[in-house]
Amino acid sequence: MDILQAIILAIVEGLTEFLPVSSTAHMKFANPIIGVQPSPFSDMFEIVIQLAAIVAVVVVYYRKFFDITRINFYLKLVIAVIPAIIFGALLKKHIDHALGNLYFIAWVMIGGGIVFLFVDSLFRNPKINDEAHISKITAFKIGCFQVLSIILPGISRSAVTIIGGMSQRLTRKAAAEFSFFLAVPTMIAASAKSFWDLHKTHPETLNNDNYTILLISSLVAFLVAVFVIRYFIDFLKKYGFRVWGYYRIVVGVLMLILLWRGIVA
């Protein structure tokens, strides 16, 4: 992976991390298109670059995120991230296999898109309009929804956690914000594990050149994600999930065509 390829992937990540379209699916298909070959470093890069984008949440919502008087807020995040940590460890082999199966990811994109066409009509009359009113049990239930993004690469972590929040009577805005906050501990844990695994198995890849690639691409992903966060919630409040459902179906079908034609492998 060279610096130009890394920057392209960083832009893709920053644009898609907080949208309900699956940044993982977009990066997995962008890789062969721009000539990135599978490698231990590229696998770790895809996870760490997501953390860089998610740091944007901390910056945009710094007043809420660093309000140390809100101990319950941090406790809810810890409770919500527990299911993902447990199932991520238990199902590692399945996850690794699914992440390498582009056909599977494409079908998940399409299936998720079809579901998204009906999401807005399923959850009406929300009652919770602020994450401060989310109970610990509700936080745990939203965390259980996040497990779907681990076992079904391509479904979108942000999508399933927002939908999980809406199923618990949260408004779109409250659900989206809690989804953003939950991404922080989730990706810190995932990035730390990925980095440590690479250090143990392929320490030679952690050299100055690759550190430079990670640093520059992380900055790019962060800056792009800041822009997306500032506009996504207003867009979601106005248009809901239907537009993203159509987008996912189109992209998923396009992925399948590229795979069947052998253009992407």
Protein backbone atom coordinates (compact mmCIF):
# COMPACT_ATOMS: atom_id res chain seq x y z
CA MET A 1 0.00 0.00 0.00
CA ASP A 2 1.43 3.37 -1.00
CA ILE A 3 0.52 6.78 0.37
CA LEU A 4 -1.87 7.65 -2.48
CA GLN A 5 -3.82 4.42 -2.04
CA ALA A 6 -3.94 5.04 1.72
CA ILE A 7 -5.30 8.57 1.25
CA ILE A 8 -8.01 7.33 -1.12
CA LEU A 9 -9.07 4.72 1.43
CA ALA A 10 -8.98 7.35 4.18
CA ILE A 11 -11.36 9.55 2.20
CA VAL A 12 -13.67 6.58 1.60
CA GLU A 13 -13.58 5.76 5.31
CA GLY A 14 -14.21 9.32 6.43
CA LEU A 15 -17.17 9.66 4.07
CA THR A 16 -18.83 6.36 4.98
CA GLU A 17 -18.05 5.62 8.65
CA PHE A 18 -21.05 7.46 10.06
CA LEU A 19 -23.41 6.90 7.15
CA PRO A 20 -25.60 3.75 7.21
CA VAL A 21 -23.80 2.35 4.16
CA SER A 22 -20.93 0.33 5.72
CA SER A 23 -17.45 1.78 5.55
CA THR A 24 -16.10 -1.78 5.69
CA ALA A 25 -17.90 -2.76 2.50
CA HIS A 26 -16.72 0.37 0.70
CA MET A 27 -13.09 -0.15 1.72
CA LYS A 28 -13.14 -3.87 0.93
CA PHE A 29 -14.29 -3.12 -2.62
CA ALA A 30 -12.11 -0.03 -3.01
CA ASN A 31 -8.99 -2.09 -2.23
CA PRO A 32 -8.90 -4.22 -5.42
CA ILE A 33 -10.15 -1.33 -7.56
CA ILE A 34 -7.19 0.87 -6.59
CA GLY A 35 -4.73 -2.03 -6.54
CA VAL A 36 -4.26 -2.68 -2.82
CA GLN A 37 -3.28 -6.29 -2.24
CA PRO A 38 -4.45 -8.15 0.87
CA SER A 39 -1.80 -8.15 3.57
CA PRO A 40 -1.57 -8.15 7.37
CA PHE A 41 -0.86 -4.41 7.28
CA SER A 42 -3.83 -3.59 5.03
CA ASP A 43 -6.13 -5.58 7.32
CA MET A 44 -4.90 -3.64 10.36
CA PHE A 45 -5.02 -0.38 8.40
CA GLU A 46 -8.74 -0.81 7.68
CA ILE A 47 -9.52 -1.06 11.39
CA VAL A 48 -7.18 1.64 12.70
CA ILE A 49 -8.34 4.11 10.03
CA GLN A 50 -11.88 3.67 11.33
CA LEU A 51 -10.69 4.74 14.78
CA ALA A 52 -9.17 7.86 13.23
CA ALA A 53 -12.52 8.77 11.70
CA ILE A 54 -14.30 8.07 14.97
CA VAL A 55 -12.02 10.46 16.86
CA ALA A 56 -14.04 13.11 15.01
CA VAL A 57 -16.91 12.31 17.39
CA VAL A 58 -14.78 13.29 20.36
CA VAL A 59 -13.94 16.61 18.72
CA VAL A 60 -17.42 17.51 17.47
CA TYR A 61 -19.10 16.51 20.74
CA TYR A 62 -16.25 17.35 23.10
CA ARG A 63 -18.50 19.20 25.58
CA LYS A 64 -20.65 16.12 26.07
CA PHE A 65 -17.86 13.59 25.78
CA PHE A 66 -15.56 15.17 28.35
CA ASP A 67 -18.16 16.18 30.91
CA ILE A 68 -16.77 14.16 33.83
CA THR A 69 -19.86 14.91 35.91
CA ARG A 70 -21.81 12.55 33.66
CA ILE A 71 -20.42 9.28 35.04
CA ASN A 72 -23.56 7.43 33.98
CA PHE A 73 -22.82 8.39 30.37
CA TYR A 74 -19.47 6.55 30.43
CA LEU A 75 -21.00 3.61 32.26
CA LYS A 76 -23.66 3.25 29.56
CA LEU A 77 -20.98 3.18 26.87
CA VAL A 78 -19.08 0.47 28.74
CA ILE A 79 -22.26 -1.59 29.12
CA ALA A 80 -23.16 -1.13 25.46
CA VAL A 81 -19.74 -2.20 24.16
CA ILE A 82 -19.62 -5.45 26.16
CA PRO A 83 -21.66 -7.59 23.68
CA ALA A 84 -19.39 -6.60 20.79
CA ILE A 85 -16.24 -7.48 22.74
CA ILE A 86 -17.63 -10.88 23.76
CA PHE A 87 -18.95 -11.90 20.36
CA GLY A 88 -15.93 -10.43 18.58
CA ALA A 89 -13.69 -12.77 20.56
CA LEU A 90 -15.95 -15.81 20.26
CA LEU A 91 -16.60 -15.46 16.53
CA LYS A 92 -13.20 -14.29 15.30
CA LYS A 93 -12.82 -17.10 12.72
CA HIS A 94 -16.27 -16.44 11.27
CA ILE A 95 -15.61 -12.71 11.17
CA ASP A 96 -12.26 -13.11 9.40
CA HIS A 97 -13.84 -15.44 6.85
CA ALA A 98 -16.79 -13.12 6.22
CA LEU A 99 -14.52 -10.10 5.80
CA GLY A 100 -12.66 -11.94 3.05
CA ASN A 101 -15.82 -12.91 1.16
CA LEU A 102 -16.77 -10.02 -1.13
CA TYR A 103 -19.87 -11.85 -2.41
CA PHE A 104 -21.14 -12.16 1.15
CA ILE A 105 -20.52 -8.47 1.83
CA ALA A 106 -22.31 -7.47 -1.39
CA TRP A 107 -25.38 -9.53 -0.50
CA VAL A 108 -25.41 -8.07 3.01
CA MET A 109 -25.33 -4.59 1.42
CA ILE A 110 -28.38 -5.46 -0.68
CA GLY A 111 -30.25 -7.20 2.13
CA GLY A 112 -29.60 -4.31 4.48
CA GLY A 113 -30.75 -1.88 1.82
CA ILE A 114 -34.07 -3.67 1.47
CA VAL A 115 -34.59 -3.56 5.25
CA PHE A 116 -33.75 0.15 5.31
CA LEU A 117 -36.60 0.87 2.89
CA PHE A 118 -39.06 0.00 5.66
CA VAL A 119 -37.23 1.13 8.83
CA ASP A 120 -38.82 4.57 9.03
CA SER A 121 -42.32 3.12 9.05
CA LEU A 122 -41.51 0.60 11.79
CA PHE A 123 -40.53 2.96 14.57
CA ARG A 124 -42.95 5.78 15.17
CA ASN A 125 -43.73 8.04 18.14
CA PRO A 126 -40.25 8.12 19.72
CA LYS A 127 -40.12 9.32 23.32
CA ILE A 128 -36.41 9.71 24.14
CA ASN A 129 -34.81 12.76 22.56
CA ASP A 130 -31.56 12.91 24.52
CA GLU A 131 -28.96 10.26 25.38
CA ALA A 132 -29.07 11.39 29.03
CA HIS A 133 -32.47 9.65 29.28
CA ILE A 134 -31.20 6.32 27.95
CA SER A 135 -31.28 3.65 30.64
CA LYS A 136 -28.48 1.14 31.18
CA ILE A 137 -30.74 -1.67 29.96
CA THR A 138 -31.50 0.27 26.80
CA ALA A 139 -27.78 0.90 26.28
CA PHE A 140 -27.14 -2.83 26.55
CA LYS A 141 -29.87 -3.60 24.02
CA ILE A 142 -28.37 -1.12 21.56
CA GLY A 143 -25.01 -2.81 22.15
CA CYS A 144 -26.60 -6.13 21.20
CA PHE A 145 -27.67 -4.61 17.90
CA GLN A 146 -24.05 -3.63 17.32
CA VAL A 147 -23.12 -7.33 17.33
CA LEU A 148 -24.90 -7.62 13.97
CA SER A 149 -22.25 -5.38 12.40
CA ILE A 150 -19.57 -7.79 13.61
CA ILE A 151 -21.12 -11.01 12.34
CA LEU A 152 -22.51 -9.41 9.15
CA PRO A 153 -19.75 -7.29 7.57
CA GLY A 154 -21.41 -4.83 5.25
CA ILE A 155 -24.50 -4.19 7.39
CA SER A 156 -23.03 -0.96 8.85
CA ARG A 157 -22.25 -0.47 12.53
CA SER A 158 -23.77 3.00 12.57
CA ALA A 159 -26.95 1.76 10.86
CA VAL A 160 -27.70 -1.12 13.20
CA THR A 161 -26.97 0.89 16.34
CA ILE A 162 -29.14 3.79 15.14
CA ILE A 163 -31.92 1.35 14.30
CA GLY A 164 -31.36 -0.33 17.65
CA GLY A 165 -31.83 3.03 19.34
CA MET A 166 -34.96 3.78 17.32
CA SER A 167 -36.39 0.39 18.34
CA GLN A 168 -36.03 1.57 21.95
CA ARG A 169 -38.10 4.70 21.26
CA LEU A 170 -35.16 7.06 20.69
CA THR A 171 -35.53 9.85 18.16
CA ARG A 172 -33.31 9.64 15.08
CA LYS A 173 -31.11 12.38 16.50
CA ALA A 174 -30.69 10.74 19.92
CA ALA A 175 -30.09 7.33 18.34
CA ALA A 176 -27.49 8.73 15.94
CA GLU A 177 -25.62 10.57 18.69
CA PHE A 178 -25.51 7.50 20.95
CA SER A 179 -24.32 5.46 17.97
CA PHE A 180 -21.51 7.96 17.44
CA PHE A 181 -20.50 7.85 21.11
CA LEU A 182 -20.60 4.04 21.19
CA ALA A 183 -18.22 3.92 18.22
CA VAL A 184 -15.40 5.38 20.33
CA PRO A 185 -14.86 2.53 22.86
CA THR A 186 -15.79 -0.05 20.22
CA MET A 187 -13.10 1.03 17.77
CA ILE A 188 -10.51 1.69 20.47
CA ALA A 189 -10.88 -1.94 21.52
CA ALA A 190 -10.87 -3.24 17.93
CA SER A 191 -7.86 -1.13 16.92
CA ALA A 192 -5.84 -2.05 19.98
CA LYS A 193 -6.44 -5.76 19.36
CA SER A 194 -5.64 -5.48 15.65
CA PHE A 195 -2.46 -3.52 16.30
CA TRP A 196 -1.35 -5.99 18.99
CA ASP A 197 -2.07 -9.02 16.78
CA LEU A 198 0.00 -7.49 13.96
CA HIS A 199 2.82 -6.71 16.39
CA LYS A 200 2.89 -10.34 17.51
CA THR A 201 2.63 -12.01 14.09
CA HIS A 202 4.18 -9.54 11.62
CA PRO A 203 6.29 -7.02 13.58
CA GLU A 204 8.34 -6.25 10.47
CA THR A 205 5.36 -4.42 8.93
CA LEU A 206 5.39 -1.84 11.72
CA ASN A 207 8.15 0.25 10.17
CA ASN A 208 8.62 3.99 9.68
CA ASP A 209 7.10 4.00 6.18
CA ASN A 210 3.92 2.29 7.33
CA TYR A 211 3.70 4.48 10.42
CA THR A 212 3.86 7.51 8.12
CA ILE A 213 1.10 6.07 5.95
CA LEU A 214 -1.06 5.48 9.03
CA LEU A 215 -0.45 8.97 10.38
CA ILE A 216 -1.24 10.85 7.17
CA SER A 217 -4.27 8.73 6.25
CA SER A 218 -5.62 8.95 9.81
CA LEU A 219 -5.54 12.74 9.61
CA VAL A 220 -7.36 12.68 6.27
CA ALA A 221 -10.05 10.29 7.58
CA PHE A 222 -10.51 12.44 10.68
CA LEU A 223 -10.99 15.68 8.72
CA VAL A 224 -13.46 14.13 6.28
CA ALA A 225 -15.41 12.50 9.13
CA VAL A 226 -15.74 15.83 10.96
CA PHE A 227 -17.49 17.23 7.90
CA VAL A 228 -19.81 14.21 7.59
CA ILE A 229 -20.83 14.23 11.26
CA ARG A 230 -21.81 17.90 11.13
CA TYR A 231 -24.32 17.29 8.33
CA PHE A 232 -25.45 13.68 8.68
CA ILE A 233 -27.85 14.04 11.64
CA ASP A 234 -29.80 16.84 9.96
CA PHE A 235 -29.96 14.75 6.79
CA LEU A 236 -31.14 11.69 8.73
CA LYS A 237 -33.81 13.70 10.57
CA LYS A 238 -35.12 15.04 7.27
CA TYR A 239 -34.93 12.02 4.96
CA GLY A 240 -34.64 8.94 7.19
CA PHE A 241 -33.22 5.62 6.01
CA ARG A 242 -35.05 5.10 2.72
CA VAL A 243 -32.56 7.01 0.56
CA TRP A 244 -29.70 4.98 2.05
CA GLY A 245 -31.63 1.79 1.36
CA TYR A 246 -31.77 2.58 -2.35
CA TYR A 247 -28.10 3.54 -2.31
CA ARG A 248 -27.08 0.27 -0.65
CA ILE A 249 -29.08 -1.81 -3.13
CA VAL A 250 -27.51 -0.04 -6.11
CA VAL A 251 -23.98 -0.35 -4.71
CA GLY A 252 -24.51 -3.98 -3.71
CA VAL A 253 -25.75 -4.91 -7.18
CA LEU A 254 -22.83 -3.05 -8.75
CA MET A 255 -20.44 -4.98 -6.51
CA LEU A 256 -21.95 -8.29 -7.64
CA ILE A 257 -21.67 -7.30 -11.30
CA LEU A 258 -18.00 -6.40 -10.86
CA LEU A 259 -17.38 -9.71 -9.11
CA TRP A 260 -19.24 -11.80 -11.69
CA ARG A 261 -17.42 -10.05 -14.53
CA GLY A 262 -14.09 -10.66 -12.84
CA ILE A 263 -13.29 -6.95 -12.71
CA VAL A 264 -12.97 -7.23 -8.94
CA ALA A 265 -11.66 -10.35 -7.26
